[in-house]
């Protein structure tokens, strides 16, 4: 089955503009349930004259942790294909830290204050020191005096630090069979005997036993019939983004 390649900005935008699919994608990446969005995701795609592309999405979402507790967070997702994005990532992260968000609290009341931030970086290049396709950087309080981690949640600490997810989509060598690997593999598949393109071959649905991954694939497959989107993807490749 052919699908649009989500490594391309316009294809990824198509994927994440669908609220149902976006919740599935974020739930897979965060390994936690995204219950709902509290506002329409804010998306920005920047195209620079030198052919550098950066896709950025802000999601104000309610997530459920392993103990069943619901929390409202700001999810900052950025996708970048070429090395050295550090200053751009820091620039947009700084903007997120400066925001006060209006959200509905657990009592159903409107409230305005800064939200905890979770960052997700989807990279189209390899970070050589990480011999894995997915890394989570956590902010855990550590008692320096007694030299042990403190198993508590601190609002003060959570608003001044943040967990990060770094995902690499550089090849298709996935071995563990996790849901996250299956999702990332969609960025790496190619048509037989062809370089990576904006239309690629997906895994066979019969080989996938995950209904939500199948939903993502079918959504990307449906996009191949969208002539306007396919033209955008071709233009993106022609201008050096592919």
Protein backbone atom coordinates (compact mmCIF):
# COMPACT_ATOMS: atom_id res chain seq x y z
CA UNK A 1 0.00 0.00 0.00
CA UNK A 2 1.38 3.41 -0.96
CA UNK A 3 1.29 6.32 1.49
CA UNK A 4 2.53 9.90 1.57
CA UNK A 5 5.86 10.16 3.37
CA UNK A 6 5.33 11.89 6.76
CA UNK A 7 8.97 13.01 6.73
CA UNK A 8 7.80 15.68 4.27
CA UNK A 9 6.40 18.77 5.98
CA UNK A 10 3.13 18.88 4.07
CA UNK A 11 2.48 15.18 4.64
CA UNK A 12 3.23 15.51 8.35
CA UNK A 13 0.96 18.53 8.55
CA UNK A 14 -1.81 16.48 6.89
CA UNK A 15 -1.24 13.76 9.48
CA UNK A 16 -1.32 16.04 12.53
CA UNK A 17 -4.21 18.26 11.39
CA UNK A 18 -6.59 15.35 11.95
CA UNK A 19 -7.39 15.57 15.67
CA UNK A 20 -8.18 11.88 16.08
CA UNK A 21 -4.97 10.80 14.32
CA UNK A 22 -2.90 13.43 16.16
CA UNK A 23 -4.07 12.04 19.53
CA UNK A 24 -3.04 8.54 18.42
CA UNK A 25 0.39 9.75 17.28
CA UNK A 26 1.08 11.66 20.49
CA UNK A 27 -0.19 8.79 22.65
CA UNK A 28 2.24 6.43 20.90
CA UNK A 29 5.19 8.80 21.29
CA UNK A 30 4.50 9.71 24.93
CA UNK A 31 3.40 6.17 25.85
CA UNK A 32 0.47 7.68 27.69
CA UNK A 33 -3.13 8.42 26.79
CA UNK A 34 -3.91 11.79 25.23
CA UNK A 35 -7.53 12.25 26.27
CA UNK A 36 -8.38 15.47 24.47
CA UNK A 37 -7.03 18.73 23.14
CA UNK A 38 -8.12 21.88 24.97
CA UNK A 39 -7.48 24.07 21.95
CA UNK A 40 -6.90 23.57 18.25
CA UNK A 41 -3.23 22.70 17.67
CA UNK A 42 -1.17 25.70 16.56
CA UNK A 43 1.03 24.83 13.59
CA UNK A 44 3.83 26.73 11.91
CA UNK A 45 5.88 25.55 8.95
CA UNK A 46 8.92 27.65 8.19
CA UNK A 47 10.61 27.46 4.79
CA UNK A 48 13.97 29.15 4.45
CA UNK A 49 15.59 30.20 1.20
CA UNK A 50 18.48 27.78 1.67
CA UNK A 51 16.03 24.88 1.61
CA UNK A 52 15.86 24.34 5.37
CA UNK A 53 12.44 23.23 6.59
CA UNK A 54 11.13 23.20 10.14
CA UNK A 55 7.65 22.04 11.12
CA UNK A 56 6.40 23.08 14.54
CA UNK A 57 3.16 22.25 16.37
CA UNK A 58 1.84 23.33 19.77
CA UNK A 59 -0.78 21.09 21.40
CA UNK A 60 -2.55 22.11 24.59
CA UNK A 61 -3.68 18.67 25.72
CA UNK A 62 -5.07 16.69 28.64
CA UNK A 63 -3.03 13.54 29.21
CA UNK A 64 -3.51 10.68 31.62
CA UNK A 65 -0.53 9.27 33.51
CA UNK A 66 -0.06 5.65 34.57
CA UNK A 67 -1.84 6.23 37.88
CA UNK A 68 -4.91 7.57 36.05
CA UNK A 69 -4.33 11.22 37.02
CA UNK A 70 -5.21 13.80 34.34
CA UNK A 71 -2.91 16.74 33.65
CA UNK A 72 -3.10 19.63 31.21
CA UNK A 73 0.21 20.16 29.40
CA UNK A 74 1.67 22.05 26.47
CA UNK A 75 3.21 19.67 23.93
CA UNK A 76 5.79 21.32 21.69
CA UNK A 77 6.52 19.14 18.65
CA UNK A 78 9.18 20.08 16.10
CA UNK A 79 10.27 18.12 13.03
CA UNK A 80 13.53 18.96 11.30
CA UNK A 81 15.38 17.21 8.46
CA UNK A 82 18.88 18.70 8.48
CA UNK A 83 21.54 18.93 11.24
CA UNK A 84 22.25 21.90 13.51
CA UNK A 85 18.70 22.92 14.50
CA UNK A 86 19.66 23.76 18.09
CA UNK A 87 19.13 27.53 18.02
CA UNK A 88 15.78 27.21 16.23
CA UNK A 89 14.63 24.63 18.76
CA UNK A 90 15.72 26.85 21.66
CA UNK A 91 14.02 29.89 20.13
CA UNK A 92 10.60 28.25 20.00
CA UNK A 93 11.06 26.55 23.36
CA UNK A 94 11.72 29.99 24.87
CA UNK A 95 8.45 31.24 23.41
CA UNK A 96 6.58 28.32 25.00
CA UNK A 97 8.11 29.05 28.42
CA UNK A 98 6.89 32.65 28.20
CA UNK A 99 3.25 31.67 27.59
CA UNK A 100 0.43 31.73 30.08
CA UNK A 101 -2.30 29.41 28.85
CA UNK A 102 -6.05 29.49 29.46
CA UNK A 103 -7.37 26.00 30.18
CA UNK A 104 -10.20 24.17 31.93
CA UNK A 105 -9.14 22.71 35.27
CA UNK A 106 -10.39 19.50 36.91
CA UNK A 107 -13.32 21.43 38.46
CA UNK A 108 -14.49 22.58 35.03
CA UNK A 109 -13.38 26.16 35.72
CA UNK A 110 -11.42 28.37 33.35
CA UNK A 111 -7.93 29.05 34.63
CA UNK A 112 -4.89 30.91 33.30
CA UNK A 113 -1.31 30.05 34.24
CA UNK A 114 1.84 28.56 32.70
CA UNK A 115 1.58 24.87 31.84
CA UNK A 116 4.12 22.06 32.13
CA UNK A 117 5.90 21.57 28.79
CA UNK A 118 6.74 18.36 26.96
CA UNK A 119 9.00 18.64 23.91
CA UNK A 120 9.14 16.19 21.02
CA UNK A 121 11.85 16.40 18.35
CA UNK A 122 11.45 14.28 15.21
CA UNK A 123 14.76 14.29 13.35
CA UNK A 124 15.54 13.34 9.77
CA UNK A 125 19.22 12.87 10.65
CA UNK A 126 21.18 10.73 13.09
CA UNK A 127 22.61 11.75 16.46
CA UNK A 128 25.61 9.36 16.54
CA UNK A 129 25.88 9.12 20.33
CA UNK A 130 22.34 7.67 20.54
CA UNK A 131 22.41 4.10 19.23
CA UNK A 132 18.63 3.94 19.29
CA UNK A 133 15.76 5.56 17.44
CA UNK A 134 13.98 6.97 20.48
CA UNK A 135 15.32 8.67 23.60
CA UNK A 136 13.40 10.19 26.52
CA UNK A 137 15.08 12.82 28.70
CA UNK A 138 13.26 13.06 32.04
CA UNK A 139 13.23 15.73 34.71
CA UNK A 140 13.38 13.84 38.01
CA UNK A 141 14.14 15.56 41.34
CA UNK A 142 17.34 14.29 42.92
CA UNK A 143 18.20 14.71 46.60
CA UNK A 144 21.85 15.78 46.49
CA UNK A 145 22.34 15.49 50.26
CA UNK A 146 21.07 11.92 50.56
CA UNK A 147 22.04 11.00 46.97
CA UNK A 148 18.76 9.51 45.83
CA UNK A 149 15.87 10.35 43.52
CA UNK A 150 12.77 11.79 45.20
CA UNK A 151 9.56 10.11 44.12
CA UNK A 152 7.32 13.18 44.35
CA UNK A 153 5.74 15.58 41.88
CA UNK A 154 6.60 19.26 42.29
CA UNK A 155 4.63 21.91 40.43
CA UNK A 156 7.51 24.34 40.93
CA UNK A 157 10.00 21.93 39.32
CA UNK A 158 7.60 20.82 36.57
CA UNK A 159 7.09 24.41 35.40
CA UNK A 160 10.83 25.14 35.25
CA UNK A 161 12.04 21.90 33.64
CA UNK A 162 10.55 19.59 31.05
CA UNK A 163 10.77 16.04 29.66
CA UNK A 164 11.95 15.69 26.06
CA UNK A 165 11.53 12.98 23.43
CA UNK A 166 14.13 12.72 20.66
CA UNK A 167 13.08 10.52 17.73
CA UNK A 168 15.37 9.61 14.83
CA UNK A 169 13.92 8.52 11.47
CA UNK A 170 17.12 7.81 9.57
CA UNK A 171 16.61 4.15 8.56
CA UNK A 172 14.29 1.19 9.01
CA UNK A 173 16.37 -1.06 11.30
CA UNK A 174 13.71 -1.64 13.93
CA UNK A 175 14.03 -4.82 15.93
CA UNK A 176 12.00 -4.64 19.15
CA UNK A 177 8.56 -4.44 17.54
CA UNK A 178 7.30 -1.65 19.80
CA UNK A 179 4.44 0.62 18.78
CA UNK A 180 6.80 3.59 18.59
CA UNK A 181 9.15 1.70 16.26
CA UNK A 182 6.25 0.75 14.02
CA UNK A 183 5.20 4.40 13.82
CA UNK A 184 8.74 5.64 13.13
CA UNK A 185 9.17 3.01 10.42
CA UNK A 186 6.53 4.86 8.37
CA UNK A 187 9.08 7.65 7.86
CA UNK A 188 11.69 5.24 6.49
CA UNK A 189 9.95 2.95 4.01
CA UNK A 190 10.78 3.40 0.33
CA UNK A 191 9.35 2.24 -2.97
CA UNK A 192 11.36 -0.70 -4.26
CA UNK A 193 14.58 0.32 -6.07
CA UNK A 194 13.88 4.03 -5.49
CA UNK A 195 15.35 6.64 -3.14
CA UNK A 196 13.22 8.10 -0.38
CA UNK A 197 10.34 9.96 -1.99
CA UNK A 198 7.13 11.75 -1.09
CA UNK A 199 5.16 8.62 -2.03
CA UNK A 200 6.48 5.51 -0.29
CA UNK A 201 5.49 1.91 0.42
CA UNK A 202 3.89 1.15 3.78
CA UNK A 203 4.12 -2.14 5.67
CA UNK A 204 1.50 -4.72 4.73
CA UNK A 205 -1.61 -4.24 6.86
CA UNK A 206 -1.92 -7.99 7.31
CA UNK A 207 1.44 -7.92 9.12
CA UNK A 208 0.27 -5.29 11.63
CA UNK A 209 -1.73 -6.27 14.70
CA UNK A 210 -2.26 -2.73 15.97
CA UNK A 211 -5.50 -1.07 14.91
CA UNK A 212 -4.28 2.45 15.66
CA UNK A 213 -1.14 2.03 13.54
CA UNK A 214 -3.41 0.75 10.78
CA UNK A 215 -5.54 3.90 11.15
CA UNK A 216 -2.44 6.05 10.65
CA UNK A 217 -1.40 4.09 7.56
CA UNK A 218 -4.88 4.26 6.04
CA UNK A 219 -4.99 8.01 6.68
CA UNK A 220 -1.64 8.47 4.90
CA UNK A 221 -2.83 6.21 2.09
CA UNK A 222 -5.98 8.28 1.60
CA UNK A 223 -3.73 11.34 1.20
CA UNK A 224 -2.26 9.88 -2.02
CA UNK A 225 -5.63 10.63 -3.67
CA UNK A 226 -5.44 14.30 -2.65
CA UNK A 227 -4.11 15.89 -5.85
CA UNK A 228 -3.47 19.30 -4.26
CA UNK A 229 -1.44 17.72 -1.45
CA UNK A 230 0.57 15.57 -3.88
CA UNK A 231 1.44 18.71 -5.87
CA UNK A 232 2.61 20.39 -2.66
CA UNK A 233 4.78 17.38 -1.84
CA UNK A 234 6.32 17.40 -5.31
CA UNK A 235 7.10 21.10 -4.97
CA UNK A 236 8.60 20.45 -1.55
CA UNK A 237 10.93 17.84 -3.06
CA UNK A 238 11.79 20.01 -6.08
CA UNK A 239 12.84 22.86 -3.78
CA UNK A 240 15.24 20.63 -1.91
CA UNK A 241 13.17 19.63 1.12
CA UNK A 242 12.92 16.00 0.19
